[in-house]
């Protein structure tokens, strides 16, 4: 699911530009981490921005809550974040994910999608 969205994003933006943007974000915010959050092709909601600078102490669950509030999702809809085609555990800190899974260009790439959870 997530590889095609990430590949398309990387093809649109040269690696030098992505590296420079990530380096600038890291320099301006030493205790935060740059994340690129891309919309899945199956998701019906869209964020106006896709680059975020996130506090390293924030967990995946906290990040999902922040994105849910921004998207104004109904309580019956689930929001899922994929990291390299897997769902990361909700209690993992984003800083740990960044150190393990960040791209050589300096960003951590994640893809989000929604799904009707409760069937209402």
PDB file of N, CA and C in Angstrom:
ATOM      1  N   UNK A   1       0.825  -1.194   0.000  1.00  0.00           N
ATOM      2  CA  UNK A   1       0.000   0.000   0.000  1.00  0.00           C
ATOM      3  C   UNK A   1       0.864   1.250   0.000  1.00  0.00           C
ATOM      4  N   UNK A   2       1.751   1.381   0.936  1.00  0.00           N
ATOM      5  CA  UNK A   2       2.429   2.659   1.125  1.00  0.00           C
ATOM      6  C   UNK A   2       3.595   2.889   0.173  1.00  0.00           C
ATOM      7  N   UNK A   3       4.132   1.847  -0.422  1.00  0.00           N
ATOM      8  CA  UNK A   3       5.323   2.033  -1.248  1.00  0.00           C
ATOM      9  C   UNK A   3       5.033   2.851  -2.499  1.00  0.00           C
ATOM     10  N   UNK A   4       3.881   2.688  -3.110  1.00  0.00           N
ATOM     11  CA  UNK A   4       3.599   3.434  -4.335  1.00  0.00           C
ATOM     12  C   UNK A   4       3.419   4.925  -4.055  1.00  0.00           C
ATOM     13  N   UNK A   5       2.765   5.280  -2.955  1.00  0.00           N
ATOM     14  CA  UNK A   5       2.593   6.689  -2.598  1.00  0.00           C
ATOM     15  C   UNK A   5       3.939   7.347  -2.306  1.00  0.00           C
ATOM     16  N   UNK A   6       4.783   6.650  -1.588  1.00  0.00           N
ATOM     17  CA  UNK A   6       6.100   7.180  -1.252  1.00  0.00           C
ATOM     18  C   UNK A   6       6.959   7.302  -2.503  1.00  0.00           C
ATOM     19  N   UNK A   7       6.899   6.302  -3.359  1.00  0.00           N
ATOM     20  CA  UNK A   7       7.674   6.339  -4.600  1.00  0.00           C
ATOM     21  C   UNK A   7       7.251   7.525  -5.461  1.00  0.00           C
ATOM     22  N   UNK A   8       5.942   7.757  -5.587  1.00  0.00           N
ATOM     23  CA  UNK A   8       5.450   8.894  -6.370  1.00  0.00           C
ATOM     24  C   UNK A   8       5.931  10.217  -5.782  1.00  0.00           C
ATOM     25  N   UNK A   9       5.891  10.348  -4.463  1.00  0.00           N
ATOM     26  CA  UNK A   9       6.345  11.575  -3.814  1.00  0.00           C
ATOM     27  C   UNK A   9       7.833  11.801  -4.079  1.00  0.00           C
ATOM     28  N   UNK A  10       8.623  10.742  -3.949  1.00  0.00           N
ATOM     29  CA  UNK A  10      10.062  10.875  -4.151  1.00  0.00           C
ATOM     30  C   UNK A  10      10.399  11.215  -5.602  1.00  0.00           C
ATOM     31  N   UNK A  11       9.611  10.699  -6.535  1.00  0.00           N
ATOM     32  CA  UNK A  11       9.862  10.996  -7.947  1.00  0.00           C
ATOM     33  C   UNK A  11       9.551  12.451  -8.282  1.00  0.00           C
ATOM     34  N   UNK A  12       8.616  13.056  -7.570  1.00  0.00           N
ATOM     35  CA  UNK A  12       8.247  14.450  -7.821  1.00  0.00           C
ATOM     36  C   UNK A  12       9.268  15.434  -7.280  1.00  0.00           C
ATOM     37  N   UNK A  13       9.971  15.056  -6.220  1.00  0.00           N
ATOM     38  CA  UNK A  13      10.893  15.964  -5.544  1.00  0.00           C
ATOM     39  C   UNK A  13      12.304  15.389  -5.595  1.00  0.00           C
ATOM     40  N   UNK A  14      13.264  16.130  -6.150  1.00  0.00           N
ATOM     41  CA  UNK A  14      14.639  15.620  -6.214  1.00  0.00           C
ATOM     42  C   UNK A  14      15.214  15.362  -4.818  1.00  0.00           C
ATOM     43  N   UNK A  15      16.093  14.378  -4.732  1.00  0.00           N
ATOM     44  CA  UNK A  15      16.656  13.993  -3.436  1.00  0.00           C
ATOM     45  C   UNK A  15      17.439  15.133  -2.792  1.00  0.00           C
ATOM     46  N   UNK A  16      18.113  15.948  -3.588  1.00  0.00           N
ATOM     47  CA  UNK A  16      18.874  17.064  -3.021  1.00  0.00           C
ATOM     48  C   UNK A  16      17.941  18.043  -2.311  1.00  0.00           C
ATOM     49  N   UNK A  17      16.788  18.286  -2.917  1.00  0.00           N
ATOM     50  CA  UNK A  17      15.805  19.192  -2.313  1.00  0.00           C
ATOM     51  C   UNK A  17      15.234  18.601  -1.022  1.00  0.00           C
ATOM     52  N   UNK A  18      14.955  17.303  -1.038  1.00  0.00           N
ATOM     53  CA  UNK A  18      14.424  16.651   0.164  1.00  0.00           C
ATOM     54  C   UNK A  18      15.453  16.652   1.290  1.00  0.00           C
ATOM     55  N   UNK A  19      16.718  16.361   0.948  1.00  0.00           N
ATOM     56  CA  UNK A  19      17.786  16.371   1.963  1.00  0.00           C
ATOM     57  C   UNK A  19      17.965  17.763   2.560  1.00  0.00           C
ATOM     58  N   UNK A  20      17.928  18.775   1.717  1.00  0.00           N
ATOM     59  CA  UNK A  20      18.101  20.148   2.203  1.00  0.00           C
ATOM     60  C   UNK A  20      16.954  20.545   3.123  1.00  0.00           C
ATOM     61  N   UNK A  21      15.729  20.194   2.760  1.00  0.00           N
ATOM     62  CA  UNK A  21      14.568  20.528   3.591  1.00  0.00           C
ATOM     63  C   UNK A  21      14.637  19.801   4.935  1.00  0.00           C
ATOM     64  N   UNK A  22      14.994  18.519   4.925  1.00  0.00           N
ATOM     65  CA  UNK A  22      15.103  17.761   6.179  1.00  0.00           C
ATOM     66  C   UNK A  22      16.211  18.335   7.058  1.00  0.00           C
ATOM     67  N   UNK A  23      17.339  18.672   6.454  1.00  0.00           N
ATOM     68  CA  UNK A  23      18.453  19.242   7.229  1.00  0.00           C
ATOM     69  C   UNK A  23      18.052  20.573   7.850  1.00  0.00           C
ATOM     70  N   UNK A  24      17.326  21.396   7.095  1.00  0.00           N
ATOM     71  CA  UNK A  24      16.863  22.679   7.621  1.00  0.00           C
ATOM     72  C   UNK A  24      15.900  22.473   8.784  1.00  0.00           C
ATOM     73  N   UNK A  25      14.982  21.531   8.640  1.00  0.00           N
ATOM     74  CA  UNK A  25      14.015  21.255   9.704  1.00  0.00           C
ATOM     75  C   UNK A  25      14.716  20.744  10.958  1.00  0.00           C
ATOM     76  N   UNK A  26      15.703  19.889  10.793  1.00  0.00           N
ATOM     77  CA  UNK A  26      16.441  19.354  11.937  1.00  0.00           C
ATOM     78  C   UNK A  26      17.297  20.430  12.605  1.00  0.00           C
ATOM     79  N   UNK A  27      17.865  21.327  11.821  1.00  0.00           N
ATOM     80  CA  UNK A  27      18.691  22.395  12.367  1.00  0.00           C
ATOM     81  C   UNK A  27      17.849  23.379  13.174  1.00  0.00           C
ATOM     82  N   UNK A  28      16.669  23.705  12.677  1.00  0.00           N
ATOM     83  CA  UNK A  28      15.793  24.649  13.356  1.00  0.00           C
ATOM     84  C   UNK A  28      15.149  24.058  14.611  1.00  0.00           C
ATOM     85  N   UNK A  29      14.997  22.746  14.650  1.00  0.00           N
ATOM     86  CA  UNK A  29      14.305  22.059  15.756  1.00  0.00           C
ATOM     87  C   UNK A  29      15.129  20.843  16.166  1.00  0.00           C
ATOM     88  N   UNK A  30      16.083  21.028  17.049  1.00  0.00           N
ATOM     89  CA  UNK A  30      17.020  19.955  17.376  1.00  0.00           C
ATOM     90  C   UNK A  30      16.385  18.782  18.128  1.00  0.00           C
ATOM     91  N   UNK A  31      15.286  19.011  18.840  1.00  0.00           N
ATOM     92  CA  UNK A  31      14.656  17.929  19.604  1.00  0.00           C
ATOM     93  C   UNK A  31      13.422  17.358  18.905  1.00  0.00           C
ATOM     94  N   UNK A  32      13.263  17.680  17.619  1.00  0.00           N
ATOM     95  CA  UNK A  32      12.108  17.203  16.853  1.00  0.00           C
ATOM     96  C   UNK A  32      12.577  16.479  15.603  1.00  0.00           C
ATOM     97  N   UNK A  33      11.636  15.771  14.955  1.00  0.00           N
ATOM     98  CA  UNK A  33      11.979  14.933  13.817  1.00  0.00           C
ATOM     99  C   UNK A  33      11.044  15.204  12.643  1.00  0.00           C
ATOM    100  N   UNK A  34      11.600  15.243  11.409  1.00  0.00           N
ATOM    101  CA  UNK A  34      10.762  15.495  10.234  1.00  0.00           C
ATOM    102  C   UNK A  34      10.072  14.228   9.741  1.00  0.00           C
ATOM    103  N   UNK A  35       8.774  14.359   9.510  1.00  0.00           N
ATOM    104  CA  UNK A  35       7.965  13.246   9.015  1.00  0.00           C
ATOM    105  C   UNK A  35       7.216  13.709   7.772  1.00  0.00           C
ATOM    106  N   UNK A  36       7.146  12.831   6.785  1.00  0.00           N
ATOM    107  CA  UNK A  36       6.297  13.061   5.622  1.00  0.00           C
ATOM    108  C   UNK A  36       5.127  12.098   5.760  1.00  0.00           C
ATOM    109  N   UNK A  37       3.928  12.647   5.854  1.00  0.00           N
ATOM    110  CA  UNK A  37       2.710  11.859   6.014  1.00  0.00           C
ATOM    111  C   UNK A  37       1.907  11.986   4.728  1.00  0.00           C
ATOM    112  N   UNK A  38       1.809  10.878   3.996  1.00  0.00           N
ATOM    113  CA  UNK A  38       1.155  10.886   2.689  1.00  0.00           C
ATOM    114  C   UNK A  38      -0.188  10.174   2.750  1.00  0.00           C
ATOM    115  N   UNK A  39      -1.114  10.643   1.943  1.00  0.00           N
ATOM    116  CA  UNK A  39      -2.454  10.062   1.880  1.00  0.00           C
ATOM    117  C   UNK A  39      -2.449   8.834   0.973  1.00  0.00           C
ATOM    118  N   UNK A  40      -3.057   7.763   1.461  1.00  0.00           N
ATOM    119  CA  UNK A  40      -3.232   6.570   0.652  1.00  0.00           C
ATOM    120  C   UNK A  40      -4.241   6.864  -0.457  1.00  0.00           C
ATOM    121  N   UNK A  41      -4.121   6.156  -1.547  1.00  0.00           N
ATOM    122  CA  UNK A  41      -5.056   6.355  -2.660  1.00  0.00           C
ATOM    123  C   UNK A  41      -6.476   5.949  -2.282  1.00  0.00           C
ATOM    124  N   UNK A  42      -6.613   5.117  -1.265  1.00  0.00           N
ATOM    125  CA  UNK A  42      -7.941   4.662  -0.847  1.00  0.00           C
ATOM    126  C   UNK A  42      -8.575   5.561   0.210  1.00  0.00           C
ATOM    127  N   UNK A  43      -7.840   6.538   0.707  1.00  0.00           N
ATOM    128  CA  UNK A  43      -8.347   7.408   1.773  1.00  0.00           C
ATOM    129  C   UNK A  43      -9.198   8.523   1.184  1.00  0.00           C
ATOM    130  N   UNK A  44     -10.338   8.780   1.819  1.00  0.00           N
ATOM    131  CA  UNK A  44     -11.220   9.830   1.305  1.00  0.00           C
ATOM    132  C   UNK A  44     -10.960  11.193   1.929  1.00  0.00           C
ATOM    133  N   UNK A  45     -10.055  11.270   2.892  1.00  0.00           N
ATOM    134  CA  UNK A  45      -9.717  12.536   3.542  1.00  0.00           C
ATOM    135  C   UNK A  45      -8.328  12.983   3.095  1.00  0.00           C
ATOM    136  N   UNK A  46      -8.127  14.284   3.114  1.00  0.00           N
ATOM    137  CA  UNK A  46      -6.848  14.816   2.670  1.00  0.00           C
ATOM    138  C   UNK A  46      -6.356  15.912   3.617  1.00  0.00           C
ATOM    139  N   UNK A  47      -5.088  15.861   3.951  1.00  0.00           N
ATOM    140  CA  UNK A  47      -4.448  16.910   4.737  1.00  0.00           C
ATOM    141  C   UNK A  47      -3.866  17.941   3.768  1.00  0.00           C
ATOM    142  N   UNK A  48      -3.967  19.227   4.087  1.00  0.00           N
ATOM    143  CA  UNK A  48      -3.388  20.225   3.183  1.00  0.00           C
ATOM    144  C   UNK A  48      -1.857  20.221   3.196  1.00  0.00           C
ATOM    145  N   UNK A  49      -1.261  19.727   4.262  1.00  0.00           N
ATOM    146  CA  UNK A  49       0.197  19.650   4.365  1.00  0.00           C
ATOM    147  C   UNK A  49       0.601  18.195   4.526  1.00  0.00           C
ATOM    148  N   UNK A  50       1.806  17.864   4.101  1.00  0.00           N
ATOM    149  CA  UNK A  50       2.269  16.490   4.270  1.00  0.00           C
ATOM    150  C   UNK A  50       3.607  16.408   5.007  1.00  0.00           C
ATOM    151  N   UNK A  51       4.252  17.537   5.254  1.00  0.00           N
ATOM    152  CA  UNK A  51       5.501  17.534   6.018  1.00  0.00           C
ATOM    153  C   UNK A  51       5.235  18.062   7.420  1.00  0.00           C
ATOM    154  N   UNK A  52       5.722  17.324   8.406  1.00  0.00           N
ATOM    155  CA  UNK A  52       5.508  17.692   9.801  1.00  0.00           C
ATOM    156  C   UNK A  52       6.820  17.605  10.549  1.00  0.00           C
ATOM    157  N   UNK A  53       6.952  18.433  11.564  1.00  0.00           N
ATOM    158  CA  UNK A  53       8.079  18.352  12.483  1.00  0.00           C
ATOM    159  C   UNK A  53       7.479  17.964  13.832  1.00  0.00           C
ATOM    160  N   UNK A  54       7.829  16.790  14.323  1.00  0.00           N
ATOM    161  CA  UNK A  54       7.148  16.178  15.455  1.00  0.00           C
ATOM    162  C   UNK A  54       8.101  16.020  16.632  1.00  0.00           C
ATOM    163  N   UNK A  55       7.583  16.287  17.821  1.00  0.00           N
ATOM    164  CA  UNK A  55       8.324  16.067  19.056  1.00  0.00           C
ATOM    165  C   UNK A  55       8.659  14.576  19.169  1.00  0.00           C
ATOM    166  N   UNK A  56       9.898  14.266  19.466  1.00  0.00           N
ATOM    167  CA  UNK A  56      10.341  12.881  19.536  1.00  0.00           C
ATOM    168  C   UNK A  56       9.705  12.074  20.650  1.00  0.00           C
ATOM    169  N   UNK A  57       9.166  12.739  21.678  1.00  0.00           N
ATOM    170  CA  UNK A  57       8.517  12.018  22.771  1.00  0.00           C
ATOM    171  C   UNK A  57       7.090  11.618  22.441  1.00  0.00           C
ATOM    172  N   UNK A  58       6.552  12.111  21.342  1.00  0.00           N
ATOM    173  CA  UNK A  58       5.180  11.761  20.963  1.00  0.00           C
ATOM    174  C   UNK A  58       5.136  10.304  20.500  1.00  0.00           C
ATOM    175  N   UNK A  59       4.091   9.610  20.899  1.00  0.00           N
ATOM    176  CA  UNK A  59       3.920   8.220  20.472  1.00  0.00           C
ATOM    177  C   UNK A  59       3.117   8.186  19.176  1.00  0.00           C
ATOM    178  N   UNK A  60       3.098   7.020  18.550  1.00  0.00           N
ATOM    179  CA  UNK A  60       2.306   6.840  17.337  1.00  0.00           C
ATOM    180  C   UNK A  60       0.835   7.102  17.649  1.00  0.00           C
ATOM    181  N   UNK A  61       0.354   6.623  18.792  1.00  0.00           N
ATOM    182  CA  UNK A  61      -1.036   6.851  19.192  1.00  0.00           C
ATOM    183  C   UNK A  61      -1.355   8.330  19.346  1.00  0.00           C
ATOM    184  N   UNK A  62      -0.438   9.079  19.948  1.00  0.00           N
ATOM    185  CA  UNK A  62      -0.630  10.522  20.091  1.00  0.00           C
ATOM    186  C   UNK A  62      -0.654  11.225  18.747  1.00  0.00           C
ATOM    187  N   UNK A  63       0.191  10.789  17.827  1.00  0.00           N
ATOM    188  CA  UNK A  63       0.223  11.372  16.489  1.00  0.00           C
ATOM    189  C   UNK A  63      -1.079  11.078  15.744  1.00  0.00           C
ATOM    190  N   UNK A  64      -1.580   9.856  15.888  1.00  0.00           N
ATOM    191  CA  UNK A  64      -2.857   9.501  15.256  1.00  0.00           C
ATOM    192  C   UNK A  64      -3.973  10.378  15.814  1.00  0.00           C
ATOM    193  N   UNK A  65      -3.999  10.592  17.122  1.00  0.00           N
ATOM    194  CA  UNK A  65      -5.024  11.451  17.730  1.00  0.00           C
ATOM    195  C   UNK A  65      -4.949  12.863  17.177  1.00  0.00           C
ATOM    196  N   UNK A  66      -3.748  13.404  17.029  1.00  0.00           N
ATOM    197  CA  UNK A  66      -3.587  14.756  16.492  1.00  0.00           C
ATOM    198  C   UNK A  66      -4.080  14.836  15.048  1.00  0.00           C
ATOM    199  N   UNK A  67      -3.758  13.839  14.246  1.00  0.00           N
ATOM    200  CA  UNK A  67      -4.197  13.836  12.843  1.00  0.00           C
ATOM    201  C   UNK A  67      -5.706  13.654  12.763  1.00  0.00           C
ATOM    202  N   UNK A  68      -6.271  12.796  13.613  1.00  0.00           N
ATOM    203  CA  UNK A  68      -7.731  12.592  13.634  1.00  0.00           C
ATOM    204  C   UNK A  68      -8.459  13.901  13.916  1.00  0.00           C
ATOM    205  N   UNK A  69      -7.960  14.676  14.880  1.00  0.00           N
ATOM    206  CA  UNK A  69      -8.595  15.951  15.216  1.00  0.00           C
ATOM    207  C   UNK A  69      -8.531  16.916  14.045  1.00  0.00           C
ATOM    208  N   UNK A  70      -7.427  16.909  13.357  1.00  0.00           N
ATOM    209  CA  UNK A  70      -7.252  17.813  12.223  1.00  0.00           C
ATOM    210  C   UNK A  70      -8.180  17.447  11.064  1.00  0.00           C
ATOM    211  N   UNK A  71      -8.418  16.137  10.877  1.00  0.00           N
ATOM    212  CA  UNK A  71      -9.273  15.658   9.782  1.00  0.00           C
ATOM    213  C   UNK A  71     -10.765  15.659  10.132  1.00  0.00           C
ATOM    214  N   UNK A  72     -11.078  15.852  11.388  1.00  0.00           N
ATOM    215  CA  UNK A  72     -12.472  15.813  11.867  1.00  0.00           C
ATOM    216  C   UNK A  72     -13.148  14.495  11.496  1.00  0.00           C
ATOM    217  N   UNK A  73     -12.516  13.385  11.831  1.00  0.00           N
ATOM    218  CA  UNK A  73     -13.089  12.072  11.536  1.00  0.00           C
ATOM    219  C   UNK A  73     -14.255  11.771  12.467  1.00  0.00           C
ATOM    220  N   UNK A  74     -15.204  11.029  11.954  1.00  0.00           N
ATOM    221  CA  UNK A  74     -16.315  10.566  12.781  1.00  0.00           C
ATOM    222  C   UNK A  74     -15.795   9.512  13.762  1.00  0.00           C
ATOM    223  N   UNK A  75     -16.465   9.363  14.910  1.00  0.00           N
ATOM    224  CA  UNK A  75     -16.028   8.343  15.873  1.00  0.00           C
ATOM    225  C   UNK A  75     -16.070   6.924  15.310  1.00  0.00           C
ATOM    226  N   UNK A  76     -16.871   6.698  14.280  1.00  0.00           N
ATOM    227  CA  UNK A  76     -16.982   5.362  13.700  1.00  0.00           C
ATOM    228  C   UNK A  76     -15.916   5.073  12.654  1.00  0.00           C
ATOM    229  N   UNK A  77     -15.064   6.047  12.370  1.00  0.00           N
ATOM    230  CA  UNK A  77     -14.028   5.842  11.370  1.00  0.00           C
ATOM    231  C   UNK A  77     -12.666   5.688  12.024  1.00  0.00           C
ATOM    232  N   UNK A  78     -11.923   4.723  11.529  1.00  0.00           N
ATOM    233  CA  UNK A  78     -10.575   4.500  12.030  1.00  0.00           C
ATOM    234  C   UNK A  78      -9.550   5.182  11.138  1.00  0.00           C
ATOM    235  N   UNK A  79      -8.458   5.589  11.728  1.00  0.00           N
ATOM    236  CA  UNK A  79      -7.341   6.165  10.988  1.00  0.00           C
ATOM    237  C   UNK A  79      -6.135   5.271  11.231  1.00  0.00           C
ATOM    238  N   UNK A  80      -5.493   4.868  10.161  1.00  0.00           N
ATOM    239  CA  UNK A  80      -4.364   3.956  10.260  1.00  0.00           C
ATOM    240  C   UNK A  80      -3.141   4.579   9.622  1.00  0.00           C
ATOM    241  N   UNK A  81      -2.010   4.474  10.309  1.00  0.00           N
ATOM    242  CA  UNK A  81      -0.730   4.943   9.785  1.00  0.00           C
ATOM    243  C   UNK A  81       0.122   3.725   9.455  1.00  0.00           C
ATOM    244  N   UNK A  82       0.637   3.704   8.250  1.00  0.00           N
ATOM    245  CA  UNK A  82       1.486   2.605   7.813  1.00  0.00           C
ATOM    246  C   UNK A  82       2.925   3.081   7.707  1.00  0.00           C
ATOM    247  N   UNK A  83       3.812   2.250   8.169  1.00  0.00           N
ATOM    248  CA  UNK A  83       5.241   2.498   8.085  1.00  0.00           C
ATOM    249  C   UNK A  83       5.848   1.279   7.408  1.00  0.00           C
ATOM    250  N   UNK A  84       6.319   1.447   6.200  1.00  0.00           N
ATOM    251  CA  UNK A  84       6.866   0.347   5.402  1.00  0.00           C
ATOM    252  C   UNK A  84       5.889  -0.833   5.346  1.00  0.00           C
ATOM    253  N   UNK A  85       4.661  -0.549   5.003  1.00  0.00           N
ATOM    254  CA  UNK A  85       3.588  -1.543   4.824  1.00  0.00           C
ATOM    255  C   UNK A  85       3.203  -2.302   6.087  1.00  0.00           C
ATOM    256  N   UNK A  86       3.535  -1.777   7.265  1.00  0.00           N
ATOM    257  CA  UNK A  86       3.097  -2.385   8.516  1.00  0.00           C
ATOM    258  C   UNK A  86       2.492  -1.301   9.399  1.00  0.00           C
ATOM    259  N   UNK A  87       1.685  -1.731  10.335  1.00  0.00           N
ATOM    260  CA  UNK A  87       1.117  -0.808  11.315  1.00  0.00           C
ATOM    261  C   UNK A  87       2.040  -0.767  12.529  1.00  0.00           C
ATOM    262  N   UNK A  88       2.642   0.389  12.821  1.00  0.00           N
ATOM    263  CA  UNK A  88       3.494   0.452  14.011  1.00  0.00           C
ATOM    264  C   UNK A  88       2.656   0.393  15.280  1.00  0.00           C
ATOM    265  N   UNK A  89       3.239  -0.101  16.345  1.00  0.00           N
ATOM    266  CA  UNK A  89       2.545  -0.175  17.624  1.00  0.00           C
ATOM    267  C   UNK A  89       2.255   1.232  18.122  1.00  0.00           C
ATOM    268  N   UNK A  90       1.124   1.408  18.780  1.00  0.00           N
ATOM    269  CA  UNK A  90       0.673   2.734  19.203  1.00  0.00           C
ATOM    270  C   UNK A  90       1.519   3.338  20.319  1.00  0.00           C
ATOM    271  N   UNK A  91       2.198   2.509  21.111  1.00  0.00           N
ATOM    272  CA  UNK A  91       2.969   3.030  22.242  1.00  0.00           C
ATOM    273  C   UNK A  91       4.430   3.316  21.906  1.00  0.00           C
ATOM    274  N   UNK A  92       4.821   3.157  20.651  1.00  0.00           N
ATOM    275  CA  UNK A  92       6.207   3.407  20.241  1.00  0.00           C
ATOM    276  C   UNK A  92       6.415   4.898  20.020  1.00  0.00           C
ATOM    277  N   UNK A  93       7.535   5.415  20.510  1.00  0.00           N
ATOM    278  CA  UNK A  93       7.852   6.827  20.302  1.00  0.00           C
ATOM    279  C   UNK A  93       8.279   7.052  18.856  1.00  0.00           C
ATOM    280  N   UNK A  94       7.871   8.201  18.329  1.00  0.00           N
ATOM    281  CA  UNK A  94       8.234   8.532  16.955  1.00  0.00           C
ATOM    282  C   UNK A  94       9.743   8.694  16.796  1.00  0.00           C
ATOM    283  N   UNK A  95      10.423   9.106  17.847  1.00  0.00           N
ATOM    284  CA  UNK A  95      11.884   9.229  17.767  1.00  0.00           C
ATOM    285  C   UNK A  95      12.535   7.861  17.537  1.00  0.00           C
ATOM    286  N   UNK A  96      12.000   6.814  18.161  1.00  0.00           N
ATOM    287  CA  UNK A  96      12.530   5.470  17.950  1.00  0.00           C
ATOM    288  C   UNK A  96      12.281   5.007  16.515  1.00  0.00           C
ATOM    289  N   UNK A  97      11.102   5.286  16.002  1.00  0.00           N
ATOM    290  CA  UNK A  97      10.802   4.933  14.616  1.00  0.00           C
ATOM    291  C   UNK A  97      11.704   5.703  13.655  1.00  0.00           C
ATOM    292  N   UNK A  98      11.941   6.975  13.968  1.00  0.00           N
ATOM    293  CA  UNK A  98      12.788   7.797  13.106  1.00  0.00           C
ATOM    294  C   UNK A  98      14.204   7.228  13.043  1.00  0.00           C
ATOM    295  N   UNK A  99      14.744   6.879  14.190  1.00  0.00           N
ATOM    296  CA  UNK A  99      16.108   6.340  14.225  1.00  0.00           C
ATOM    297  C   UNK A  99      16.222   5.017  13.473  1.00  0.00           C
ATOM    298  N   UNK A 100      15.167   4.230  13.483  1.00  0.00           N
ATOM    299  CA  UNK A 100      15.203   2.913  12.849  1.00  0.00           C
ATOM    300  C   UNK A 100      14.816   2.952  11.371  1.00  0.00           C
ATOM    301  N   UNK A 101      13.797   3.739  11.028  1.00  0.00           N
ATOM    302  CA  UNK A 101      13.215   3.654   9.692  1.00  0.00           C
ATOM    303  C   UNK A 101      13.360   4.900   8.822  1.00  0.00           C
ATOM    304  N   UNK A 102      14.076   5.913   9.278  1.00  0.00           N
ATOM    305  CA  UNK A 102      14.162   7.125   8.462  1.00  0.00           C
ATOM    306  C   UNK A 102      14.893   6.839   7.150  1.00  0.00           C
ATOM    307  N   UNK A 103      14.495   7.563   6.134  1.00  0.00           N
ATOM    308  CA  UNK A 103      15.053   7.438   4.800  1.00  0.00           C
ATOM    309  C   UNK A 103      16.412   8.144   4.750  1.00  0.00           C
ATOM    310  N   UNK A 104      17.292   7.773   3.836  1.00  0.00           N
ATOM    311  CA  UNK A 104      18.572   8.484   3.704  1.00  0.00           C
ATOM    312  C   UNK A 104      18.430   9.984   3.428  1.00  0.00           C
ATOM    313  N   UNK A 105      17.251  10.407   2.936  1.00  0.00           N
ATOM    314  CA  UNK A 105      17.065  11.841   2.692  1.00  0.00           C
ATOM    315  C   UNK A 105      16.756  12.619   3.971  1.00  0.00           C
ATOM    316  N   UNK A 106      16.539  11.925   5.100  1.00  0.00           N
ATOM    317  CA  UNK A 106      16.333  12.599   6.378  1.00  0.00           C
ATOM    318  C   UNK A 106      14.904  12.613   6.880  1.00  0.00           C
ATOM    319  N   UNK A 107      13.954  12.109   6.099  1.00  0.00           N
ATOM    320  CA  UNK A 107      12.550  12.078   6.510  1.00  0.00           C
ATOM    321  C   UNK A 107      12.128  10.672   6.909  1.00  0.00           C
ATOM    322  N   UNK A 108      11.136  10.605   7.773  1.00  0.00           N
ATOM    323  CA  UNK A 108      10.441   9.361   8.080  1.00  0.00           C
ATOM    324  C   UNK A 108       9.160   9.393   7.273  1.00  0.00           C
ATOM    325  N   UNK A 109       8.958   8.406   6.413  1.00  0.00           N
ATOM    326  CA  UNK A 109       7.782   8.380   5.543  1.00  0.00           C
ATOM    327  C   UNK A 109       6.713   7.468   6.119  1.00  0.00           C
ATOM    328  N   UNK A 110       5.490   8.009   6.215  1.00  0.00           N
ATOM    329  CA  UNK A 110       4.334   7.243   6.677  1.00  0.00           C
ATOM    330  C   UNK A 110       3.175   7.536   5.737  1.00  0.00           C
ATOM    331  N   UNK A 111       2.249   6.588   5.650  1.00  0.00           N
ATOM    332  CA  UNK A 111       1.065   6.735   4.817  1.00  0.00           C
ATOM    333  C   UNK A 111      -0.149   6.540   5.709  1.00  0.00           C
ATOM    334  N   UNK A 112      -1.174   7.395   5.520  1.00  0.00           N
ATOM    335  CA  UNK A 112      -2.388   7.265   6.322  1.00  0.00           C
ATOM    336  C   UNK A 112      -3.577   6.892   5.438  1.00  0.00           C
ATOM    337  N   UNK A 113      -4.505   6.183   6.048  1.00  0.00           N
ATOM    338  CA  UNK A 113      -5.760   5.838   5.382  1.00  0.00           C
ATOM    339  C   UNK A 113      -6.851   5.736   6.438  1.00  0.00           C
ATOM    340  N   UNK A 114      -8.079   5.806   5.983  1.00  0.00           N
ATOM    341  CA  UNK A 114      -9.212   5.665   6.903  1.00  0.00           C
ATOM    342  C   UNK A 114     -10.006   4.427   6.531  1.00  0.00           C
ATOM    343  N   UNK A 115     -10.829   3.989   7.479  1.00  0.00           N
ATOM    344  CA  UNK A 115     -11.706   2.847   7.237  1.00  0.00           C
ATOM    345  C   UNK A 115     -12.870   2.921   8.202  1.00  0.00           C
ATOM    346  N   UNK A 116     -14.039   2.574   7.724  1.00  0.00           N
ATOM    347  CA  UNK A 116     -15.218   2.519   8.592  1.00  0.00           C
ATOM    348  C   UNK A 116     -15.016   1.364   9.558  1.00  0.00           C
ATOM    349  N   UNK A 117     -15.011   1.669  10.868  1.00  0.00           N
ATOM    350  CA  UNK A 117     -14.692   0.650  11.873  1.00  0.00           C
ATOM    351  C   UNK A 117     -15.916  -0.094  12.399  1.00  0.00           C
ATOM    352  N   UNK A 118     -16.918   0.643  12.778  1.00  0.00           N
ATOM    353  CA  UNK A 118     -18.000   0.051  13.555  1.00  0.00           C
ATOM    354  C   UNK A 118     -19.176  -0.410  12.689  1.00  0.00           C
ATOM    355  N   UNK A 119     -19.196  -0.045  11.434  1.00  0.00           N
ATOM    356  CA  UNK A 119     -20.260  -0.480  10.542  1.00  0.00           C
ATOM    357  C   UNK A 119     -21.565   0.251  10.727  1.00  0.00           C
ATOM    358  N   UNK A 120     -21.560   1.430  11.341  1.00  0.00           N
ATOM    359  CA  UNK A 120     -22.790   2.180  11.545  1.00  0.00           C
ATOM    360  C   UNK A 120     -23.233   2.853  10.267  1.00  0.00           C
TER     361      UNK A 120
END
